[in-house]
Each structure stands twice: as C-alpha cells, then as structure tokens.
Amino acid sequence: MDFVTKAISRQEVYAVMINYTLWKEIVMKIREKTNATILMVFDFDLSDDTPLAIFSQHLTLDQQRHILKQVHDVCEKLSIVPTYPIHGGYMGSNAKILSYGKYRFYDALALEFKTYDTIRQLILGS
C-alpha cells in the first residue's frame, strides 16, 4: 500500500481546531506529486510536546472528542484517511494523566480518556 502521512500540528491540537484551509492546501500539494492514500495522524515521539501528548495531557475530555470529530469531518471532506489514537502512542515522559493510572501510552478505552466510543461512532457513521 502506498501512503503519505501528515501529522496534525501541535498548534491545531492546542487550539482544538483543525485548519481546513491549510489541510486543503497540503492535500492539493501531495496530489500534485502522487495519488497515494493520505493519512492524517496524531504524531508522537519521546517528547512531551507532540500532538498526541498535547491531546492527552492538555485537552479536556470534551475537547478531545471535539477535535476527533473535526478530524473526521476534515478527512471526509478532503477524501483522506483519519488515523485515530486508539491503543498506543507515547504521551511523554512527564505525562501526568496516565492510561489506567499507570501507563504513558495512550489508550482510548482507559477511564482517563474514554474516547473509544466517540471514535467508534465516527468510524461507523452513527
């Protein structure tokens, strides 16, 4: 499978607003070069300032759900594929909100986040 990944920016996560205009430009530039599937991702690494770390550590549960819905809507409009944070993705070495109270890896099923049902509804279109 040929695909291109593009991460949601830290600024978008902090603002709880996916920049549709910017994403439209990004998709057009990618499409000029390839017809590969484009994946919108919540990037992560070992730092505390990644989109996933910000999503999990700085947003309220309602804000998390809101940005997930925005991701879905923007991806649908631009015919790209959302990759939702479900199981995994490091939240940073200084993460205070831990999955199941002890893991620094995001889990949408954890009581601390409870975003799995939102993700499921978005995927199923209900």
N, C-alpha and C. Protein backbone atom coordinates (compact mmCIF):
# COMPACT_ATOMS: atom_id res chain seq x y z
N MET A 1 0.85 -1.18 0.00
CA MET A 1 0.00 0.00 0.00
C MET A 1 0.89 1.23 0.00
N ASP A 2 0.61 2.15 -0.86
CA ASP A 2 1.34 3.39 -0.95
C ASP A 2 0.56 4.45 -0.16
N PHE A 3 1.24 5.09 0.79
CA PHE A 3 0.55 6.11 1.56
C PHE A 3 1.51 7.21 2.00
N VAL A 4 0.93 8.35 2.35
CA VAL A 4 1.65 9.50 2.86
C VAL A 4 1.02 9.85 4.20
N THR A 5 1.85 10.09 5.21
CA THR A 5 1.30 10.53 6.50
C THR A 5 1.59 12.01 6.68
N LYS A 6 0.64 12.69 7.25
CA LYS A 6 0.80 14.10 7.60
C LYS A 6 0.21 14.27 8.98
N ALA A 7 1.00 14.82 9.88
CA ALA A 7 0.57 14.97 11.26
C ALA A 7 -0.23 16.24 11.48
N ILE A 8 -1.21 16.12 12.34
CA ILE A 8 -1.93 17.28 12.85
C ILE A 8 -0.88 18.10 13.61
N SER A 9 -0.93 19.40 13.50
CA SER A 9 0.08 20.23 14.17
C SER A 9 -0.23 20.40 15.66
N ARG A 10 0.80 20.71 16.39
CA ARG A 10 0.64 21.00 17.83
C ARG A 10 -0.30 22.19 18.01
N GLN A 11 -0.16 23.19 17.13
CA GLN A 11 -0.99 24.38 17.23
C GLN A 11 -2.47 24.04 17.04
N GLU A 12 -2.75 23.15 16.12
CA GLU A 12 -4.14 22.74 15.89
C GLU A 12 -4.70 22.06 17.13
N VAL A 13 -3.89 21.20 17.75
CA VAL A 13 -4.36 20.50 18.95
C VAL A 13 -4.59 21.49 20.08
N TYR A 14 -3.62 22.36 20.32
CA TYR A 14 -3.79 23.38 21.38
C TYR A 14 -5.04 24.23 21.15
N ALA A 15 -5.28 24.59 19.89
CA ALA A 15 -6.43 25.44 19.55
C ALA A 15 -7.74 24.66 19.48
N VAL A 16 -7.64 23.33 19.49
CA VAL A 16 -8.79 22.44 19.34
C VAL A 16 -9.54 22.79 18.05
N MET A 17 -8.75 23.00 17.00
CA MET A 17 -9.31 23.42 15.72
C MET A 17 -8.41 22.93 14.59
N ILE A 18 -8.94 22.04 13.76
CA ILE A 18 -8.21 21.59 12.59
C ILE A 18 -8.35 22.66 11.51
N ASN A 19 -7.23 23.09 10.95
CA ASN A 19 -7.21 24.16 9.97
C ASN A 19 -7.54 23.59 8.59
N TYR A 20 -8.81 23.65 8.23
CA TYR A 20 -9.28 23.08 6.98
C TYR A 20 -8.56 23.67 5.77
N THR A 21 -8.39 24.99 5.76
CA THR A 21 -7.74 25.65 4.63
C THR A 21 -6.32 25.14 4.44
N LEU A 22 -5.58 25.03 5.52
CA LEU A 22 -4.21 24.51 5.45
C LEU A 22 -4.19 23.07 4.96
N TRP A 23 -5.09 22.25 5.50
CA TRP A 23 -5.14 20.84 5.09
C TRP A 23 -5.52 20.71 3.62
N LYS A 24 -6.41 21.56 3.15
CA LYS A 24 -6.79 21.53 1.74
C LYS A 24 -5.57 21.82 0.87
N GLU A 25 -4.76 22.80 1.26
CA GLU A 25 -3.53 23.13 0.52
C GLU A 25 -2.55 21.96 0.57
N ILE A 26 -2.39 21.36 1.73
CA ILE A 26 -1.47 20.23 1.88
C ILE A 26 -1.90 19.08 0.97
N VAL A 27 -3.17 18.77 0.99
CA VAL A 27 -3.68 17.67 0.15
C VAL A 27 -3.47 17.98 -1.33
N MET A 28 -3.72 19.22 -1.72
CA MET A 28 -3.52 19.58 -3.14
C MET A 28 -2.05 19.42 -3.53
N LYS A 29 -1.13 19.84 -2.66
CA LYS A 29 0.31 19.71 -2.97
C LYS A 29 0.73 18.24 -3.06
N ILE A 30 0.21 17.43 -2.17
CA ILE A 30 0.53 16.00 -2.22
C ILE A 30 -0.04 15.39 -3.50
N ARG A 31 -1.27 15.75 -3.83
CA ARG A 31 -1.92 15.19 -5.03
C ARG A 31 -1.20 15.59 -6.32
N GLU A 32 -0.47 16.72 -6.30
CA GLU A 32 0.31 17.11 -7.47
C GLU A 32 1.43 16.12 -7.74
N LYS A 33 1.89 15.43 -6.68
CA LYS A 33 3.03 14.53 -6.80
C LYS A 33 2.65 13.05 -6.81
N THR A 34 1.55 12.71 -6.15
CA THR A 34 1.19 11.30 -6.04
C THR A 34 -0.31 11.16 -5.79
N ASN A 35 -0.81 9.99 -6.10
CA ASN A 35 -2.21 9.68 -5.82
C ASN A 35 -2.31 8.71 -4.63
N ALA A 36 -1.25 8.66 -3.83
CA ALA A 36 -1.21 7.76 -2.68
C ALA A 36 -2.27 8.16 -1.65
N THR A 37 -2.67 7.19 -0.85
CA THR A 37 -3.58 7.45 0.26
C THR A 37 -2.90 8.40 1.24
N ILE A 38 -3.64 9.39 1.71
CA ILE A 38 -3.10 10.34 2.68
C ILE A 38 -3.72 10.04 4.04
N LEU A 39 -2.86 9.87 5.04
CA LEU A 39 -3.31 9.59 6.40
C LEU A 39 -3.07 10.80 7.30
N MET A 40 -4.09 11.26 7.99
CA MET A 40 -3.95 12.32 8.99
C MET A 40 -3.69 11.63 10.33
N VAL A 41 -2.58 11.99 10.98
CA VAL A 41 -2.18 11.28 12.20
C VAL A 41 -1.96 12.22 13.37
N PHE A 42 -2.10 11.67 14.57
CA PHE A 42 -1.67 12.32 15.81
C PHE A 42 -0.25 11.81 16.06
N ASP A 43 0.75 12.59 15.69
CA ASP A 43 2.13 12.14 15.81
C ASP A 43 2.56 12.08 17.27
N PHE A 44 3.56 11.23 17.53
CA PHE A 44 4.13 11.12 18.87
C PHE A 44 5.58 10.69 18.76
N ASP A 45 6.32 10.97 19.81
CA ASP A 45 7.70 10.50 19.94
C ASP A 45 8.00 10.52 21.44
N LEU A 46 9.23 10.68 21.82
CA LEU A 46 9.58 10.62 23.24
C LEU A 46 9.38 11.94 23.99
N SER A 47 9.06 13.02 23.28
CA SER A 47 8.93 14.32 23.94
C SER A 47 7.53 14.53 24.52
N ASP A 48 7.41 15.61 25.26
CA ASP A 48 6.14 15.96 25.90
C ASP A 48 5.33 16.98 25.09
N ASP A 49 5.82 17.34 23.90
CA ASP A 49 5.18 18.40 23.13
C ASP A 49 4.73 17.92 21.75
N THR A 50 4.33 16.67 21.67
CA THR A 50 3.83 16.13 20.41
C THR A 50 2.32 16.32 20.33
N PRO A 51 1.74 16.23 19.16
CA PRO A 51 0.28 16.34 19.07
C PRO A 51 -0.45 15.35 20.00
N LEU A 52 0.01 14.11 20.09
CA LEU A 52 -0.66 13.15 20.96
C LEU A 52 -0.49 13.51 22.44
N ALA A 53 0.70 13.96 22.81
CA ALA A 53 0.93 14.36 24.20
C ALA A 53 0.04 15.54 24.57
N ILE A 54 -0.05 16.51 23.69
CA ILE A 54 -0.91 17.68 23.94
C ILE A 54 -2.37 17.24 24.02
N PHE A 55 -2.79 16.43 23.07
CA PHE A 55 -4.16 15.92 23.04
C PHE A 55 -4.52 15.24 24.36
N SER A 56 -3.65 14.38 24.84
CA SER A 56 -3.95 13.59 26.03
C SER A 56 -3.73 14.33 27.34
N GLN A 57 -2.80 15.27 27.36
CA GLN A 57 -2.42 15.90 28.61
C GLN A 57 -2.99 17.30 28.83
N HIS A 58 -3.37 17.99 27.76
CA HIS A 58 -3.80 19.38 27.89
C HIS A 58 -5.25 19.63 27.52
N LEU A 59 -5.87 18.69 26.83
CA LEU A 59 -7.27 18.90 26.44
C LEU A 59 -8.21 18.19 27.41
N THR A 60 -9.35 18.80 27.64
CA THR A 60 -10.37 18.15 28.44
C THR A 60 -10.97 17.01 27.61
N LEU A 61 -11.73 16.15 28.26
CA LEU A 61 -12.38 15.06 27.52
C LEU A 61 -13.29 15.59 26.43
N ASP A 62 -14.02 16.66 26.73
CA ASP A 62 -14.90 17.26 25.71
C ASP A 62 -14.09 17.83 24.55
N GLN A 63 -12.96 18.46 24.83
CA GLN A 63 -12.11 18.99 23.77
C GLN A 63 -11.52 17.85 22.93
N GLN A 64 -11.14 16.76 23.58
CA GLN A 64 -10.63 15.61 22.84
C GLN A 64 -11.69 15.09 21.88
N ARG A 65 -12.90 14.94 22.35
CA ARG A 65 -13.98 14.46 21.49
C ARG A 65 -14.25 15.44 20.34
N HIS A 66 -14.19 16.72 20.67
CA HIS A 66 -14.45 17.75 19.65
C HIS A 66 -13.41 17.69 18.53
N ILE A 67 -12.15 17.60 18.88
CA ILE A 67 -11.12 17.58 17.84
C ILE A 67 -11.17 16.27 17.04
N LEU A 68 -11.54 15.18 17.68
CA LEU A 68 -11.71 13.91 16.94
C LEU A 68 -12.80 14.06 15.89
N LYS A 69 -13.88 14.73 16.24
CA LYS A 69 -14.97 14.96 15.28
C LYS A 69 -14.52 15.88 14.14
N GLN A 70 -13.70 16.87 14.48
CA GLN A 70 -13.17 17.76 13.44
C GLN A 70 -12.26 16.98 12.49
N VAL A 71 -11.41 16.14 13.06
CA VAL A 71 -10.52 15.31 12.23
C VAL A 71 -11.37 14.51 11.25
N HIS A 72 -12.40 13.88 11.76
CA HIS A 72 -13.28 13.07 10.91
C HIS A 72 -13.90 13.91 9.80
N ASP A 73 -14.44 15.06 10.15
CA ASP A 73 -15.12 15.91 9.16
C ASP A 73 -14.16 16.41 8.08
N VAL A 74 -12.97 16.87 8.49
CA VAL A 74 -11.99 17.37 7.53
C VAL A 74 -11.52 16.24 6.61
N CYS A 75 -11.25 15.10 7.19
CA CYS A 75 -10.80 13.97 6.38
C CYS A 75 -11.87 13.55 5.38
N GLU A 76 -13.11 13.54 5.82
CA GLU A 76 -14.20 13.18 4.92
C GLU A 76 -14.32 14.17 3.77
N LYS A 77 -14.22 15.47 4.06
CA LYS A 77 -14.33 16.49 3.03
C LYS A 77 -13.19 16.42 2.03
N LEU A 78 -11.99 16.05 2.51
CA LEU A 78 -10.81 16.05 1.65
C LEU A 78 -10.47 14.67 1.09
N SER A 79 -11.30 13.69 1.39
CA SER A 79 -11.08 12.31 0.93
C SER A 79 -9.71 11.77 1.36
N ILE A 80 -9.39 12.00 2.63
CA ILE A 80 -8.18 11.43 3.21
C ILE A 80 -8.59 10.56 4.40
N VAL A 81 -7.64 9.84 4.95
CA VAL A 81 -7.97 8.84 5.97
C VAL A 81 -7.52 9.32 7.36
N PRO A 82 -8.45 9.39 8.30
CA PRO A 82 -8.05 9.73 9.67
C PRO A 82 -7.45 8.51 10.36
N THR A 83 -6.43 8.72 11.15
CA THR A 83 -5.90 7.64 11.98
C THR A 83 -6.10 8.09 13.42
N TYR A 84 -7.04 7.48 14.06
CA TYR A 84 -7.42 7.87 15.42
C TYR A 84 -6.50 7.22 16.45
N PRO A 85 -6.22 7.94 17.53
CA PRO A 85 -5.42 7.34 18.61
C PRO A 85 -6.30 6.35 19.38
N ILE A 86 -5.98 5.07 19.29
CA ILE A 86 -6.79 4.07 19.98
C ILE A 86 -5.95 3.39 21.05
N HIS A 87 -5.01 2.56 20.67
CA HIS A 87 -4.15 1.87 21.63
C HIS A 87 -2.70 2.18 21.28
N GLY A 88 -2.04 2.90 22.13
CA GLY A 88 -0.63 3.17 21.89
C GLY A 88 -0.37 4.61 21.51
N GLY A 89 0.88 4.91 21.44
CA GLY A 89 1.33 6.27 21.21
C GLY A 89 1.80 6.84 22.53
N TYR A 90 3.06 7.17 22.59
CA TYR A 90 3.68 7.65 23.83
C TYR A 90 3.21 9.07 24.13
N MET A 91 2.81 9.32 25.37
CA MET A 91 2.28 10.62 25.78
C MET A 91 3.33 11.52 26.41
N GLY A 92 4.59 11.09 26.46
CA GLY A 92 5.65 11.92 27.02
C GLY A 92 6.11 11.42 28.37
N SER A 93 7.37 11.67 28.66
CA SER A 93 7.94 11.17 29.91
C SER A 93 7.42 11.92 31.13
N ASN A 94 6.85 13.10 30.94
CA ASN A 94 6.28 13.86 32.06
C ASN A 94 4.76 13.80 32.10
N ALA A 95 4.17 12.87 31.38
CA ALA A 95 2.71 12.74 31.36
C ALA A 95 2.18 12.55 32.78
N LYS A 96 1.16 13.30 33.11
CA LYS A 96 0.53 13.20 34.43
C LYS A 96 -0.76 12.38 34.38
N ILE A 97 -1.46 12.48 33.26
CA ILE A 97 -2.68 11.71 33.07
C ILE A 97 -2.26 10.42 32.36
N LEU A 98 -2.28 9.33 33.08
CA LEU A 98 -1.76 8.06 32.57
C LEU A 98 -2.91 7.10 32.27
N SER A 99 -2.77 6.33 31.21
CA SER A 99 -3.78 5.32 30.89
C SER A 99 -3.84 4.30 32.02
N TYR A 100 -5.04 4.06 32.49
CA TYR A 100 -5.27 3.13 33.60
C TYR A 100 -4.47 3.52 34.84
N GLY A 101 -4.14 4.81 34.95
CA GLY A 101 -3.43 5.31 36.11
C GLY A 101 -1.96 4.95 36.17
N LYS A 102 -1.42 4.25 35.13
CA LYS A 102 -0.02 3.86 35.24
C LYS A 102 0.78 3.81 33.94
N TYR A 103 0.16 3.91 32.78
CA TYR A 103 0.89 3.77 31.52
C TYR A 103 1.01 5.10 30.79
N ARG A 104 2.17 5.36 30.23
CA ARG A 104 2.41 6.58 29.46
C ARG A 104 2.07 6.39 27.98
N PHE A 105 1.35 5.35 27.67
CA PHE A 105 0.90 5.09 26.30
C PHE A 105 -0.61 5.32 26.25
N TYR A 106 -1.03 6.11 25.30
CA TYR A 106 -2.44 6.47 25.18
C TYR A 106 -3.30 5.23 24.94
N ASP A 107 -4.46 5.20 25.56
CA ASP A 107 -5.43 4.15 25.31
C ASP A 107 -6.83 4.76 25.37
N ALA A 108 -7.52 4.73 24.24
CA ALA A 108 -8.84 5.33 24.14
C ALA A 108 -9.87 4.65 25.05
N LEU A 109 -9.59 3.42 25.46
CA LEU A 109 -10.50 2.71 26.36
C LEU A 109 -10.29 3.06 27.84
N ALA A 110 -9.15 3.65 28.16
CA ALA A 110 -8.84 3.96 29.56
C ALA A 110 -9.86 4.95 30.12
N LEU A 111 -10.20 4.77 31.37
CA LEU A 111 -11.17 5.66 32.02
C LEU A 111 -10.72 7.11 32.01
N GLU A 112 -9.42 7.33 31.96
CA GLU A 112 -8.89 8.69 31.95
C GLU A 112 -9.21 9.43 30.65
N PHE A 113 -9.48 8.69 29.58
CA PHE A 113 -9.71 9.32 28.28
C PHE A 113 -11.11 9.04 27.72
N LYS A 114 -11.54 7.82 27.73
CA LYS A 114 -12.89 7.45 27.28
C LYS A 114 -13.24 8.03 25.91
N THR A 115 -12.34 7.94 24.96
CA THR A 115 -12.63 8.44 23.62
C THR A 115 -13.00 7.33 22.64
N TYR A 116 -12.90 6.09 23.09
CA TYR A 116 -13.15 4.97 22.19
C TYR A 116 -14.56 5.02 21.59
N ASP A 117 -15.56 5.30 22.40
CA ASP A 117 -16.94 5.34 21.89
C ASP A 117 -17.11 6.43 20.83
N THR A 118 -16.47 7.57 21.05
CA THR A 118 -16.52 8.64 20.05
C THR A 118 -15.89 8.19 18.75
N ILE A 119 -14.70 7.58 18.84
CA ILE A 119 -14.01 7.08 17.66
C ILE A 119 -14.85 6.03 16.95
N ARG A 120 -15.42 5.14 17.70
CA ARG A 120 -16.26 4.07 17.13
C ARG A 120 -17.46 4.67 16.38
N GLN A 121 -18.12 5.65 17.00
CA GLN A 121 -19.26 6.29 16.36
C GLN A 121 -18.85 6.99 15.07
N LEU A 122 -17.69 7.65 15.07
CA LEU A 122 -17.22 8.32 13.88
C LEU A 122 -16.95 7.32 12.75
N ILE A 123 -16.30 6.23 13.10
CA ILE A 123 -15.97 5.21 12.10
C ILE A 123 -17.23 4.58 11.53
N LEU A 124 -18.19 4.29 12.40
CA LEU A 124 -19.42 3.62 11.96
C LEU A 124 -20.43 4.58 11.36
N GLY A 125 -20.17 5.89 11.51
CA GLY A 125 -21.08 6.89 10.94
C GLY A 125 -22.37 7.03 11.70
N SER A 126 -22.33 6.72 12.99
CA SER A 126 -23.58 6.86 13.77
C SER A 126 -23.51 8.00 14.74
